[in-house]
Amino acid sequence: MRAFAKSALVVGGAILAALLIGSGGRPAAGPTAGASQLEVCPDRRSVTLDGRVLQDSGWVQFLLYAPGYEWLSDESAIELVVDLHRLQLALASLDWRIWDRLWAEGEDVPGIEVEIAHGDRRWSAGELLAAGAGNAGFRHLLFPGSPYFDAVALRAGGPPCTLCPLFPMEQAMLSERFIRPDGRSGYELVPGALPAPGTRVRVTIILPPP
């Protein structure tokens, strides 16, 4: 009976997550293009997908960039092949409570791990960040989206958000949320730790135990 209740909770959570994403200004579900490039493993509580190195040194606002908020692509180290909308769905399907804390409540959930792989080499997110960024949690490694701006920034088939009138306000308001508790925003990459720009890498996001 307990196993059945647990299974029902997981399935119900996944369904609720999908419904939530399609309501209240959150992006509605769309076609499954790119789904083969994203692997969701419920047992490991992980999402794995490809990425492309954008820069391997210097300052970045985020380690990872999931396409959606175009102005962040120039301030990130690795661009993911799956857009932010699909990544949101994947994370929500694993644990909608964690996703809601990240997205709706703006919290930084401890224990989320990020691994980068290229060939037989693997790095944790912390190994790629220079000293002083040790307290950068998941929300400061990848921007999970915003309940206030996703409806505009992630709409399918529309013009880029850089052309919409909300863009200056969006960037100003969100940039304030990028500041960590220590007062810093962004971080320096360890020079040469990542492969050269243009290199394809494999990115895995692992959620903590429920």
N, C-alpha and C. Protein backbone atom coordinates (compact mmCIF):
# COMPACT_ATOMS: atom_id res chain seq x y z
N MET A 1 0.83 -1.20 0.00
CA MET A 1 0.00 0.00 0.00
C MET A 1 0.87 1.25 0.00
N ARG A 2 1.95 1.21 0.82
CA ARG A 2 2.85 2.35 0.90
C ARG A 2 3.53 2.60 -0.44
N ALA A 3 3.95 1.49 -1.13
CA ALA A 3 4.59 1.62 -2.44
C ALA A 3 3.63 2.23 -3.44
N PHE A 4 2.35 1.79 -3.39
CA PHE A 4 1.35 2.35 -4.31
C PHE A 4 1.17 3.84 -4.06
N ALA A 5 1.10 4.24 -2.78
CA ALA A 5 0.92 5.65 -2.46
C ALA A 5 2.10 6.48 -2.94
N LYS A 6 3.30 5.92 -2.80
CA LYS A 6 4.50 6.64 -3.26
C LYS A 6 4.48 6.81 -4.76
N SER A 7 4.08 5.72 -5.49
CA SER A 7 4.01 5.79 -6.95
C SER A 7 2.97 6.81 -7.38
N ALA A 8 1.84 6.81 -6.70
CA ALA A 8 0.79 7.76 -7.04
C ALA A 8 1.25 9.19 -6.83
N LEU A 9 2.02 9.41 -5.75
CA LEU A 9 2.54 10.75 -5.47
C LEU A 9 3.49 11.20 -6.56
N VAL A 10 4.37 10.28 -7.01
CA VAL A 10 5.32 10.63 -8.06
C VAL A 10 4.61 10.98 -9.36
N VAL A 11 3.65 10.10 -9.75
CA VAL A 11 2.91 10.34 -10.98
C VAL A 11 2.09 11.61 -10.87
N GLY A 12 1.43 11.78 -9.73
CA GLY A 12 0.63 12.98 -9.53
C GLY A 12 1.47 14.23 -9.56
N GLY A 13 2.68 14.15 -8.97
CA GLY A 13 3.56 15.29 -8.98
C GLY A 13 3.99 15.67 -10.38
N ALA A 14 4.30 14.64 -11.19
CA ALA A 14 4.72 14.90 -12.57
C ALA A 14 3.60 15.53 -13.37
N ILE A 15 2.35 15.02 -13.18
CA ILE A 15 1.21 15.59 -13.89
C ILE A 15 0.97 17.02 -13.44
N LEU A 16 1.03 17.24 -12.12
CA LEU A 16 0.81 18.58 -11.60
C LEU A 16 1.87 19.54 -12.11
N ALA A 17 3.12 19.06 -12.16
CA ALA A 17 4.19 19.92 -12.67
C ALA A 17 3.92 20.34 -14.09
N ALA A 18 3.49 19.39 -14.92
CA ALA A 18 3.20 19.72 -16.33
C ALA A 18 2.05 20.71 -16.42
N LEU A 19 1.03 20.54 -15.55
CA LEU A 19 -0.09 21.48 -15.57
C LEU A 19 0.33 22.85 -15.11
N LEU A 20 1.15 22.90 -14.07
CA LEU A 20 1.61 24.18 -13.55
C LEU A 20 2.40 24.94 -14.59
N ILE A 21 3.24 24.24 -15.34
CA ILE A 21 4.06 24.91 -16.34
C ILE A 21 3.18 25.52 -17.42
N GLY A 22 2.01 24.95 -17.64
CA GLY A 22 1.14 25.48 -18.68
C GLY A 22 0.14 26.48 -18.16
N SER A 23 0.25 26.92 -16.89
CA SER A 23 -0.72 27.85 -16.34
C SER A 23 -0.03 28.97 -15.62
N GLY A 24 -0.82 29.96 -15.28
CA GLY A 24 -0.32 31.05 -14.47
C GLY A 24 0.84 31.78 -15.08
N GLY A 25 0.90 31.88 -16.41
CA GLY A 25 1.99 32.59 -17.05
C GLY A 25 3.20 31.74 -17.32
N ARG A 26 3.20 30.49 -16.91
CA ARG A 26 4.32 29.60 -17.18
C ARG A 26 4.17 29.02 -18.58
N PRO A 27 5.25 28.65 -19.25
CA PRO A 27 5.17 28.19 -20.63
C PRO A 27 4.39 26.90 -20.76
N ALA A 28 3.47 26.84 -21.73
CA ALA A 28 2.68 25.63 -21.97
C ALA A 28 3.52 24.60 -22.70
N ALA A 29 3.13 23.33 -22.55
CA ALA A 29 3.87 22.25 -23.20
C ALA A 29 3.79 22.40 -24.71
N GLY A 30 4.89 22.10 -25.39
CA GLY A 30 4.94 22.21 -26.84
C GLY A 30 5.41 20.92 -27.46
N PRO A 31 5.81 20.94 -28.72
CA PRO A 31 6.29 19.73 -29.39
C PRO A 31 7.55 19.19 -28.72
N THR A 32 7.88 17.95 -28.97
CA THR A 32 8.98 17.28 -28.28
C THR A 32 10.28 17.35 -29.06
N ALA A 33 10.44 18.36 -29.90
CA ALA A 33 11.70 18.50 -30.65
C ALA A 33 12.86 18.59 -29.69
N GLY A 34 13.91 17.83 -29.95
CA GLY A 34 15.09 17.87 -29.08
C GLY A 34 15.01 16.92 -27.92
N ALA A 35 13.89 16.17 -27.81
CA ALA A 35 13.73 15.28 -26.66
C ALA A 35 14.81 14.20 -26.65
N SER A 36 15.26 13.76 -27.83
CA SER A 36 16.28 12.72 -27.89
C SER A 36 17.62 13.21 -27.37
N GLN A 37 17.80 14.52 -27.28
CA GLN A 37 19.04 15.09 -26.78
C GLN A 37 19.03 15.25 -25.27
N LEU A 38 17.92 14.89 -24.63
CA LEU A 38 17.78 15.05 -23.19
C LEU A 38 17.35 13.71 -22.59
N GLU A 39 18.08 13.29 -21.55
CA GLU A 39 17.77 12.03 -20.89
C GLU A 39 17.38 12.30 -19.44
N VAL A 40 16.23 11.80 -19.03
CA VAL A 40 15.75 11.94 -17.66
C VAL A 40 15.81 10.57 -17.00
N CYS A 41 16.52 10.50 -15.88
CA CYS A 41 16.67 9.24 -15.15
C CYS A 41 16.04 9.38 -13.76
N PRO A 42 14.80 8.90 -13.57
CA PRO A 42 14.14 9.03 -12.27
C PRO A 42 14.90 8.34 -11.14
N ASP A 43 15.50 7.17 -11.40
CA ASP A 43 16.21 6.45 -10.34
C ASP A 43 17.38 7.26 -9.79
N ARG A 44 18.12 7.90 -10.69
CA ARG A 44 19.25 8.72 -10.27
C ARG A 44 18.83 10.15 -9.94
N ARG A 45 17.59 10.49 -10.29
CA ARG A 45 17.06 11.86 -10.15
C ARG A 45 17.94 12.84 -10.93
N SER A 46 18.19 12.49 -12.18
CA SER A 46 19.12 13.29 -12.97
C SER A 46 18.56 13.63 -14.35
N VAL A 47 19.05 14.73 -14.88
CA VAL A 47 18.78 15.16 -16.25
C VAL A 47 20.13 15.29 -16.94
N THR A 48 20.30 14.63 -18.09
CA THR A 48 21.55 14.68 -18.83
C THR A 48 21.29 15.19 -20.24
N LEU A 49 22.11 16.11 -20.70
CA LEU A 49 21.93 16.69 -22.02
C LEU A 49 23.26 17.23 -22.54
N ASP A 50 23.31 17.50 -23.83
CA ASP A 50 24.52 18.02 -24.46
C ASP A 50 24.63 19.53 -24.28
N GLY A 51 25.86 19.99 -24.39
CA GLY A 51 26.11 21.42 -24.34
C GLY A 51 27.30 21.78 -25.21
N ARG A 52 27.50 23.07 -25.41
CA ARG A 52 28.61 23.56 -26.23
C ARG A 52 29.33 24.65 -25.46
N VAL A 53 30.65 24.53 -25.33
CA VAL A 53 31.42 25.52 -24.59
C VAL A 53 31.40 26.86 -25.34
N LEU A 54 31.02 27.91 -24.63
CA LEU A 54 31.02 29.26 -25.20
C LEU A 54 32.29 30.01 -24.85
N GLN A 55 32.76 29.84 -23.62
CA GLN A 55 34.02 30.45 -23.21
C GLN A 55 34.65 29.62 -22.11
N ASP A 56 35.99 29.61 -22.09
CA ASP A 56 36.71 28.77 -21.14
C ASP A 56 37.55 29.57 -20.15
N SER A 57 37.37 30.88 -20.14
CA SER A 57 38.09 31.72 -19.18
C SER A 57 37.35 33.04 -19.05
N GLY A 58 37.74 33.81 -18.04
CA GLY A 58 37.12 35.11 -17.84
C GLY A 58 35.89 35.04 -16.95
N TRP A 59 35.15 36.15 -16.90
CA TRP A 59 33.98 36.28 -16.04
C TRP A 59 32.73 35.79 -16.76
N VAL A 60 31.87 35.09 -16.03
CA VAL A 60 30.56 34.70 -16.55
C VAL A 60 29.52 34.94 -15.46
N GLN A 61 28.29 35.18 -15.89
CA GLN A 61 27.20 35.30 -14.94
C GLN A 61 26.71 33.92 -14.51
N PHE A 62 26.68 32.99 -15.47
CA PHE A 62 26.23 31.62 -15.20
C PHE A 62 27.17 30.62 -15.87
N LEU A 63 27.29 29.46 -15.26
CA LEU A 63 28.07 28.39 -15.88
C LEU A 63 27.31 27.81 -17.06
N LEU A 64 25.98 27.63 -16.91
CA LEU A 64 25.15 27.02 -17.94
C LEU A 64 24.11 28.00 -18.45
N TYR A 65 23.81 27.89 -19.74
CA TYR A 65 22.77 28.71 -20.34
C TYR A 65 21.83 27.81 -21.13
N ALA A 66 20.55 27.77 -20.73
CA ALA A 66 19.51 27.08 -21.48
C ALA A 66 18.79 28.13 -22.31
N PRO A 67 18.81 28.04 -23.64
CA PRO A 67 18.25 29.09 -24.49
C PRO A 67 16.84 29.51 -24.09
N GLY A 68 16.63 30.79 -24.07
CA GLY A 68 15.34 31.36 -23.69
C GLY A 68 15.48 32.86 -23.45
N TYR A 69 16.34 33.22 -22.51
CA TYR A 69 16.63 34.63 -22.23
C TYR A 69 17.91 34.98 -22.99
N GLU A 70 17.73 35.51 -24.23
CA GLU A 70 18.84 35.64 -25.16
C GLU A 70 20.02 36.44 -24.61
N TRP A 71 19.75 37.45 -23.81
CA TRP A 71 20.82 38.32 -23.34
C TRP A 71 21.77 37.62 -22.38
N LEU A 72 21.41 36.42 -21.89
CA LEU A 72 22.29 35.68 -21.00
C LEU A 72 23.30 34.81 -21.75
N SER A 73 23.11 34.63 -23.06
CA SER A 73 24.01 33.74 -23.80
C SER A 73 25.43 34.29 -23.85
N ASP A 74 25.58 35.60 -23.85
CA ASP A 74 26.91 36.20 -23.89
C ASP A 74 27.57 36.25 -22.52
N GLU A 75 26.85 35.82 -21.47
CA GLU A 75 27.38 35.90 -20.11
C GLU A 75 27.45 34.53 -19.47
N SER A 76 27.52 33.48 -20.29
CA SER A 76 27.52 32.10 -19.78
C SER A 76 28.67 31.31 -20.40
N ALA A 77 29.06 30.23 -19.72
CA ALA A 77 30.20 29.43 -20.18
C ALA A 77 29.80 28.30 -21.12
N ILE A 78 28.63 27.69 -20.88
CA ILE A 78 28.21 26.53 -21.67
C ILE A 78 26.75 26.72 -22.08
N GLU A 79 26.49 26.59 -23.38
CA GLU A 79 25.11 26.66 -23.88
C GLU A 79 24.57 25.25 -24.04
N LEU A 80 23.40 24.98 -23.45
CA LEU A 80 22.76 23.68 -23.55
C LEU A 80 21.99 23.57 -24.86
N VAL A 81 21.86 22.33 -25.38
CA VAL A 81 21.16 22.15 -26.66
C VAL A 81 19.65 22.15 -26.47
N VAL A 82 19.18 21.97 -25.25
CA VAL A 82 17.75 21.97 -24.96
C VAL A 82 17.37 23.30 -24.35
N ASP A 83 16.27 23.89 -24.81
CA ASP A 83 15.90 25.22 -24.33
C ASP A 83 15.39 25.17 -22.89
N LEU A 84 15.25 26.34 -22.30
CA LEU A 84 14.90 26.45 -20.89
C LEU A 84 13.53 25.84 -20.61
N HIS A 85 12.60 26.01 -21.52
CA HIS A 85 11.26 25.44 -21.31
C HIS A 85 11.33 23.92 -21.12
N ARG A 86 12.09 23.22 -21.97
CA ARG A 86 12.18 21.77 -21.87
C ARG A 86 12.96 21.34 -20.63
N LEU A 87 13.95 22.12 -20.25
CA LEU A 87 14.68 21.81 -19.03
C LEU A 87 13.79 21.97 -17.81
N GLN A 88 12.95 23.00 -17.81
CA GLN A 88 11.99 23.18 -16.72
C GLN A 88 11.08 21.96 -16.60
N LEU A 89 10.55 21.49 -17.73
CA LEU A 89 9.69 20.31 -17.72
C LEU A 89 10.41 19.09 -17.17
N ALA A 90 11.67 18.92 -17.58
CA ALA A 90 12.44 17.76 -17.14
C ALA A 90 12.67 17.79 -15.64
N LEU A 91 13.08 18.94 -15.11
CA LEU A 91 13.31 19.06 -13.67
C LEU A 91 12.02 18.88 -12.89
N ALA A 92 10.94 19.46 -13.40
CA ALA A 92 9.65 19.34 -12.71
C ALA A 92 9.17 17.91 -12.70
N SER A 93 9.44 17.14 -13.76
CA SER A 93 9.00 15.75 -13.81
C SER A 93 9.73 14.89 -12.78
N LEU A 94 10.96 15.30 -12.42
CA LEU A 94 11.72 14.57 -11.40
C LEU A 94 11.25 14.92 -9.99
N ASP A 95 11.05 16.20 -9.75
CA ASP A 95 10.64 16.65 -8.41
C ASP A 95 10.02 18.03 -8.54
N TRP A 96 8.69 18.07 -8.61
CA TRP A 96 8.03 19.35 -8.84
C TRP A 96 8.17 20.27 -7.64
N ARG A 97 8.38 19.73 -6.44
CA ARG A 97 8.55 20.60 -5.27
C ARG A 97 9.86 21.38 -5.36
N ILE A 98 10.94 20.68 -5.74
CA ILE A 98 12.23 21.35 -5.90
C ILE A 98 12.14 22.38 -7.02
N TRP A 99 11.53 21.98 -8.13
CA TRP A 99 11.40 22.92 -9.25
C TRP A 99 10.63 24.16 -8.85
N ASP A 100 9.55 23.98 -8.07
CA ASP A 100 8.74 25.13 -7.64
C ASP A 100 9.53 26.03 -6.71
N ARG A 101 10.37 25.45 -5.86
CA ARG A 101 11.19 26.28 -4.97
C ARG A 101 12.19 27.10 -5.78
N LEU A 102 12.78 26.48 -6.81
CA LEU A 102 13.75 27.19 -7.65
C LEU A 102 13.09 28.27 -8.48
N TRP A 103 11.95 27.94 -9.07
CA TRP A 103 11.33 28.81 -10.06
C TRP A 103 10.38 29.83 -9.45
N ALA A 104 9.38 29.33 -8.70
CA ALA A 104 8.35 30.21 -8.19
C ALA A 104 8.77 30.97 -6.93
N GLU A 105 9.51 30.27 -6.04
CA GLU A 105 9.87 30.90 -4.78
C GLU A 105 11.24 31.56 -4.80
N GLY A 106 12.02 31.29 -5.83
CA GLY A 106 13.32 31.93 -5.95
C GLY A 106 14.33 31.46 -4.93
N GLU A 107 14.16 30.24 -4.41
CA GLU A 107 15.10 29.71 -3.42
C GLU A 107 16.25 29.00 -4.12
N ASP A 108 17.34 28.82 -3.40
CA ASP A 108 18.46 28.02 -3.90
C ASP A 108 18.47 26.72 -3.13
N VAL A 109 18.04 25.64 -3.75
CA VAL A 109 17.92 24.35 -3.08
C VAL A 109 19.31 23.73 -2.93
N PRO A 110 19.76 23.46 -1.71
CA PRO A 110 21.09 22.85 -1.53
C PRO A 110 21.10 21.40 -1.99
N GLY A 111 22.28 20.94 -2.40
CA GLY A 111 22.46 19.54 -2.74
C GLY A 111 22.30 19.20 -4.20
N ILE A 112 21.94 20.17 -5.06
CA ILE A 112 21.84 19.90 -6.49
C ILE A 112 23.25 19.89 -7.07
N GLU A 113 23.62 18.81 -7.76
CA GLU A 113 24.96 18.67 -8.32
C GLU A 113 24.93 18.89 -9.83
N VAL A 114 26.02 19.46 -10.35
CA VAL A 114 26.18 19.64 -11.78
C VAL A 114 27.52 19.02 -12.19
N GLU A 115 27.47 18.10 -13.16
CA GLU A 115 28.68 17.45 -13.66
C GLU A 115 28.85 17.78 -15.14
N ILE A 116 30.09 18.04 -15.55
CA ILE A 116 30.42 18.31 -16.95
C ILE A 116 31.38 17.21 -17.41
N ALA A 117 31.13 16.61 -18.57
CA ALA A 117 31.98 15.53 -19.08
C ALA A 117 32.38 15.80 -20.52
N HIS A 118 33.63 15.46 -20.83
CA HIS A 118 34.13 15.53 -22.20
C HIS A 118 35.11 14.37 -22.39
N GLY A 119 34.73 13.40 -23.23
CA GLY A 119 35.56 12.21 -23.36
C GLY A 119 35.62 11.48 -22.04
N ASP A 120 36.83 11.17 -21.57
CA ASP A 120 36.98 10.48 -20.30
C ASP A 120 37.24 11.43 -19.15
N ARG A 121 37.07 12.72 -19.38
CA ARG A 121 37.28 13.72 -18.33
C ARG A 121 35.94 14.17 -17.75
N ARG A 122 35.94 14.39 -16.44
CA ARG A 122 34.73 14.86 -15.76
C ARG A 122 35.10 15.97 -14.77
N TRP A 123 34.21 16.94 -14.65
CA TRP A 123 34.40 18.02 -13.69
C TRP A 123 33.10 18.24 -12.93
N SER A 124 33.22 18.57 -11.67
CA SER A 124 32.07 19.10 -10.94
C SER A 124 32.04 20.61 -11.21
N ALA A 125 30.91 21.23 -10.98
CA ALA A 125 30.80 22.66 -11.23
C ALA A 125 31.84 23.44 -10.44
N GLY A 126 32.07 23.04 -9.19
CA GLY A 126 33.01 23.76 -8.35
C GLY A 126 34.43 23.77 -8.87
N GLU A 127 34.80 22.72 -9.60
CA GLU A 127 36.16 22.64 -10.14
C GLU A 127 36.40 23.63 -11.28
N LEU A 128 35.34 24.18 -11.82
CA LEU A 128 35.47 25.10 -12.95
C LEU A 128 35.43 26.56 -12.54
N LEU A 129 35.10 26.82 -11.27
CA LEU A 129 34.95 28.18 -10.79
C LEU A 129 36.15 28.59 -9.95
N ALA A 130 36.65 29.80 -10.18
CA ALA A 130 37.80 30.29 -9.45
C ALA A 130 37.44 30.52 -7.98
N ALA A 131 38.46 30.72 -7.17
CA ALA A 131 38.26 30.94 -5.73
C ALA A 131 37.31 32.11 -5.50
N GLY A 132 36.47 31.96 -4.47
CA GLY A 132 35.52 33.01 -4.14
C GLY A 132 34.11 32.71 -4.61
N ALA A 133 33.95 31.64 -5.42
CA ALA A 133 32.62 31.28 -5.92
C ALA A 133 32.12 29.99 -5.30
N GLY A 134 32.72 29.59 -4.18
CA GLY A 134 32.37 28.33 -3.57
C GLY A 134 30.94 28.28 -3.06
N ASN A 135 30.34 29.45 -2.82
CA ASN A 135 28.97 29.47 -2.31
C ASN A 135 27.96 29.66 -3.43
N ALA A 136 28.36 29.44 -4.67
CA ALA A 136 27.45 29.59 -5.80
C ALA A 136 26.57 28.35 -5.90
N GLY A 137 25.31 28.46 -5.48
CA GLY A 137 24.38 27.35 -5.55
C GLY A 137 23.82 27.19 -6.96
N PHE A 138 22.87 26.26 -7.11
CA PHE A 138 22.39 25.93 -8.45
C PHE A 138 21.77 27.12 -9.16
N ARG A 139 21.05 27.95 -8.42
CA ARG A 139 20.42 29.12 -9.06
C ARG A 139 21.45 30.09 -9.60
N HIS A 140 22.70 29.97 -9.14
CA HIS A 140 23.77 30.84 -9.65
C HIS A 140 24.67 30.10 -10.64
N LEU A 141 24.29 28.85 -10.95
CA LEU A 141 24.97 28.11 -12.01
C LEU A 141 24.14 28.11 -13.29
N LEU A 142 22.81 28.15 -13.14
CA LEU A 142 21.90 28.17 -14.27
C LEU A 142 20.65 28.94 -13.88
N PHE A 143 20.23 29.86 -14.71
CA PHE A 143 19.02 30.63 -14.44
C PHE A 143 17.80 29.76 -14.75
N PRO A 144 16.96 29.43 -13.73
CA PRO A 144 15.85 28.51 -13.96
C PRO A 144 14.61 29.13 -14.57
N GLY A 145 14.61 30.44 -14.80
CA GLY A 145 13.44 31.10 -15.34
C GLY A 145 12.77 31.98 -14.31
N SER A 146 11.75 32.70 -14.74
CA SER A 146 11.07 33.67 -13.88
C SER A 146 9.57 33.60 -14.09
N PRO A 147 8.78 33.54 -13.00
CA PRO A 147 7.32 33.53 -13.15
C PRO A 147 6.80 34.84 -13.73
N TYR A 148 7.61 35.89 -13.71
CA TYR A 148 7.16 37.20 -14.20
C TYR A 148 7.46 37.40 -15.69
N PHE A 149 8.50 36.75 -16.21
CA PHE A 149 8.94 37.04 -17.57
C PHE A 149 8.95 35.84 -18.51
N ASP A 150 8.77 34.62 -18.00
CA ASP A 150 8.82 33.44 -18.87
C ASP A 150 7.80 33.49 -20.00
N ALA A 151 6.61 34.00 -19.70
CA ALA A 151 5.55 34.01 -20.71
C ALA A 151 5.97 34.79 -21.95
N VAL A 152 6.83 35.79 -21.78
CA VAL A 152 7.32 36.59 -22.90
C VAL A 152 8.62 36.00 -23.45
N ALA A 153 9.56 35.72 -22.57
CA ALA A 153 10.90 35.30 -23.00
C ALA A 153 10.91 33.92 -23.63
N LEU A 154 10.01 33.02 -23.21
CA LEU A 154 10.05 31.64 -23.67
C LEU A 154 8.93 31.31 -24.64
N ARG A 155 8.19 32.29 -25.12
CA ARG A 155 7.09 31.98 -26.03
C ARG A 155 7.63 31.43 -27.34
N ALA A 156 6.99 30.43 -27.87
CA ALA A 156 7.46 29.77 -29.09
C ALA A 156 7.10 30.58 -30.32
N GLY A 157 8.05 30.72 -31.21
CA GLY A 157 7.80 31.33 -32.51
C GLY A 157 7.71 32.83 -32.50
N GLY A 158 7.86 33.45 -31.35
CA GLY A 158 7.75 34.90 -31.29
C GLY A 158 9.07 35.57 -31.55
N PRO A 159 9.08 36.91 -31.62
CA PRO A 159 10.33 37.63 -31.83
C PRO A 159 11.21 37.51 -30.60
N PRO A 160 12.52 37.66 -30.74
CA PRO A 160 13.40 37.58 -29.57
C PRO A 160 13.04 38.64 -28.54
N CYS A 161 13.25 38.29 -27.26
CA CYS A 161 12.84 39.20 -26.20
C CYS A 161 13.61 40.52 -26.24
N THR A 162 14.76 40.54 -26.90
CA THR A 162 15.52 41.78 -26.99
C THR A 162 14.75 42.83 -27.77
N LEU A 163 13.72 42.42 -28.52
CA LEU A 163 12.93 43.37 -29.30
C LEU A 163 11.66 43.79 -28.58
N CYS A 164 11.36 43.19 -27.44
CA CYS A 164 10.11 43.52 -26.76
C CYS A 164 10.33 44.64 -25.76
N PRO A 165 9.28 45.42 -25.46
CA PRO A 165 9.44 46.58 -24.57
C PRO A 165 9.77 46.22 -23.14
N LEU A 166 9.57 44.95 -22.75
CA LEU A 166 9.86 44.54 -21.38
C LEU A 166 11.34 44.28 -21.15
N PHE A 167 12.13 44.19 -22.22
CA PHE A 167 13.51 43.75 -22.09
C PHE A 167 14.33 44.56 -21.09
N PRO A 168 14.38 45.90 -21.15
CA PRO A 168 15.20 46.63 -20.18
C PRO A 168 14.77 46.38 -18.74
N MET A 169 13.45 46.35 -18.48
CA MET A 169 12.96 46.11 -17.13
C MET A 169 13.29 44.69 -16.70
N GLU A 170 13.10 43.74 -17.62
CA GLU A 170 13.41 42.34 -17.33
C GLU A 170 14.85 42.18 -16.88
N GLN A 171 15.78 42.72 -17.66
CA GLN A 171 17.20 42.57 -17.35
C GLN A 171 17.56 43.25 -16.03
N ALA A 172 17.01 44.43 -15.79
CA ALA A 172 17.33 45.15 -14.56
C ALA A 172 16.81 44.41 -13.33
N MET A 173 15.57 43.92 -13.40
CA MET A 173 14.99 43.24 -12.24
C MET A 173 15.66 41.90 -11.97
N LEU A 174 15.91 41.14 -13.04
CA LEU A 174 16.50 39.82 -12.85
C LEU A 174 17.95 39.92 -12.39
N SER A 175 18.67 40.91 -12.87
CA SER A 175 20.07 41.06 -12.48
C SER A 175 20.21 41.23 -10.98
N GLU A 176 19.22 41.86 -10.34
CA GLU A 176 19.26 42.00 -8.89
C GLU A 176 19.15 40.64 -8.20
N ARG A 177 18.43 39.72 -8.81
CA ARG A 177 18.25 38.39 -8.21
C ARG A 177 19.47 37.51 -8.44
N PHE A 178 20.35 37.91 -9.33
CA PHE A 178 21.55 37.11 -9.60
C PHE A 178 22.62 37.31 -8.52
N ILE A 179 22.45 38.30 -7.66
CA ILE A 179 23.45 38.59 -6.63
C ILE A 179 23.37 37.54 -5.52
N ARG A 180 24.51 36.96 -5.19
CA ARG A 180 24.57 35.93 -4.15
C ARG A 180 24.55 36.57 -2.76
N PRO A 181 24.36 35.75 -1.72
CA PRO A 181 24.33 36.29 -0.36
C PRO A 181 25.60 37.05 0.02
N ASP A 182 26.74 36.72 -0.61
CA ASP A 182 27.98 37.42 -0.29
C ASP A 182 28.09 38.76 -1.02
N GLY A 183 27.05 39.12 -1.76
CA GLY A 183 27.05 40.40 -2.46
C GLY A 183 27.65 40.36 -3.85
N ARG A 184 28.16 39.21 -4.29
CA ARG A 184 28.78 39.10 -5.60
C ARG A 184 27.78 38.59 -6.64
N SER A 185 28.08 38.89 -7.88
CA SER A 185 27.26 38.44 -9.00
C SER A 185 28.18 37.83 -10.05
N GLY A 186 27.92 36.58 -10.45
CA GLY A 186 28.79 35.92 -11.40
C GLY A 186 30.09 35.47 -10.75
N TYR A 187 31.03 34.99 -11.57
CA TYR A 187 32.29 34.47 -11.05
C TYR A 187 33.27 34.29 -12.20
N GLU A 188 34.53 34.09 -11.83
CA GLU A 188 35.58 33.83 -12.82
C GLU A 188 35.70 32.33 -13.04
N LEU A 189 35.95 31.96 -14.29
CA LEU A 189 36.22 30.56 -14.61
C LEU A 189 37.70 30.25 -14.36
N VAL A 190 37.99 29.02 -13.96
CA VAL A 190 39.38 28.59 -13.85
C VAL A 190 39.96 28.53 -15.26
N PRO A 191 40.96 29.32 -15.59
CA PRO A 191 41.47 29.35 -16.98
C PRO A 191 41.90 27.98 -17.47
N GLY A 192 41.39 27.59 -18.63
CA GLY A 192 41.80 26.34 -19.25
C GLY A 192 41.19 25.08 -18.67
N ALA A 193 40.34 25.22 -17.66
CA ALA A 193 39.73 24.02 -17.08
C ALA A 193 38.75 23.38 -18.05
N LEU A 194 37.97 24.21 -18.72
CA LEU A 194 37.05 23.71 -19.73
C LEU A 194 37.76 23.52 -21.06
N PRO A 195 37.22 22.64 -21.92
CA PRO A 195 37.77 22.54 -23.28
C PRO A 195 37.58 23.85 -24.04
N ALA A 196 38.20 23.95 -25.20
CA ALA A 196 38.15 25.17 -26.00
C ALA A 196 36.72 25.50 -26.42
N PRO A 197 36.42 26.78 -26.61
CA PRO A 197 35.09 27.17 -27.11
C PRO A 197 34.72 26.42 -28.37
N GLY A 198 33.46 26.02 -28.44
CA GLY A 198 32.97 25.24 -29.57
C GLY A 198 32.95 23.74 -29.31
N THR A 199 33.65 23.29 -28.25
CA THR A 199 33.69 21.86 -27.92
C THR A 199 32.36 21.40 -27.35
N ARG A 200 31.91 20.24 -27.77
CA ARG A 200 30.69 19.66 -27.23
C ARG A 200 31.00 18.94 -25.92
N VAL A 201 30.15 19.13 -24.94
CA VAL A 201 30.30 18.47 -23.64
C VAL A 201 28.96 17.86 -23.25
N ARG A 202 29.00 17.01 -22.24
CA ARG A 202 27.80 16.37 -21.71
C ARG A 202 27.55 16.90 -20.31
N VAL A 203 26.37 17.40 -20.05
CA VAL A 203 26.03 18.04 -18.78
C VAL A 203 24.99 17.20 -18.05
N THR A 204 25.22 16.94 -16.76
CA THR A 204 24.27 16.19 -15.95
C THR A 204 23.91 17.01 -14.71
N ILE A 205 22.62 17.16 -14.48
CA ILE A 205 22.10 17.84 -13.28
C ILE A 205 21.45 16.78 -12.41
N ILE A 206 21.92 16.66 -11.17
CA ILE A 206 21.45 15.63 -10.25
C ILE A 206 20.76 16.28 -9.06
N LEU A 207 19.49 15.95 -8.85
CA LEU A 207 18.74 16.50 -7.73
C LEU A 207 19.05 15.72 -6.45
N PRO A 208 18.97 16.36 -5.29
CA PRO A 208 19.22 15.65 -4.02
C PRO A 208 18.08 14.69 -3.72
N PRO A 209 18.29 13.75 -2.80
CA PRO A 209 17.24 12.80 -2.43
C PRO A 209 16.01 13.54 -1.93
N PRO A 210 14.82 12.97 -2.12
CA PRO A 210 13.58 13.62 -1.66
C PRO A 210 13.52 13.66 -0.15
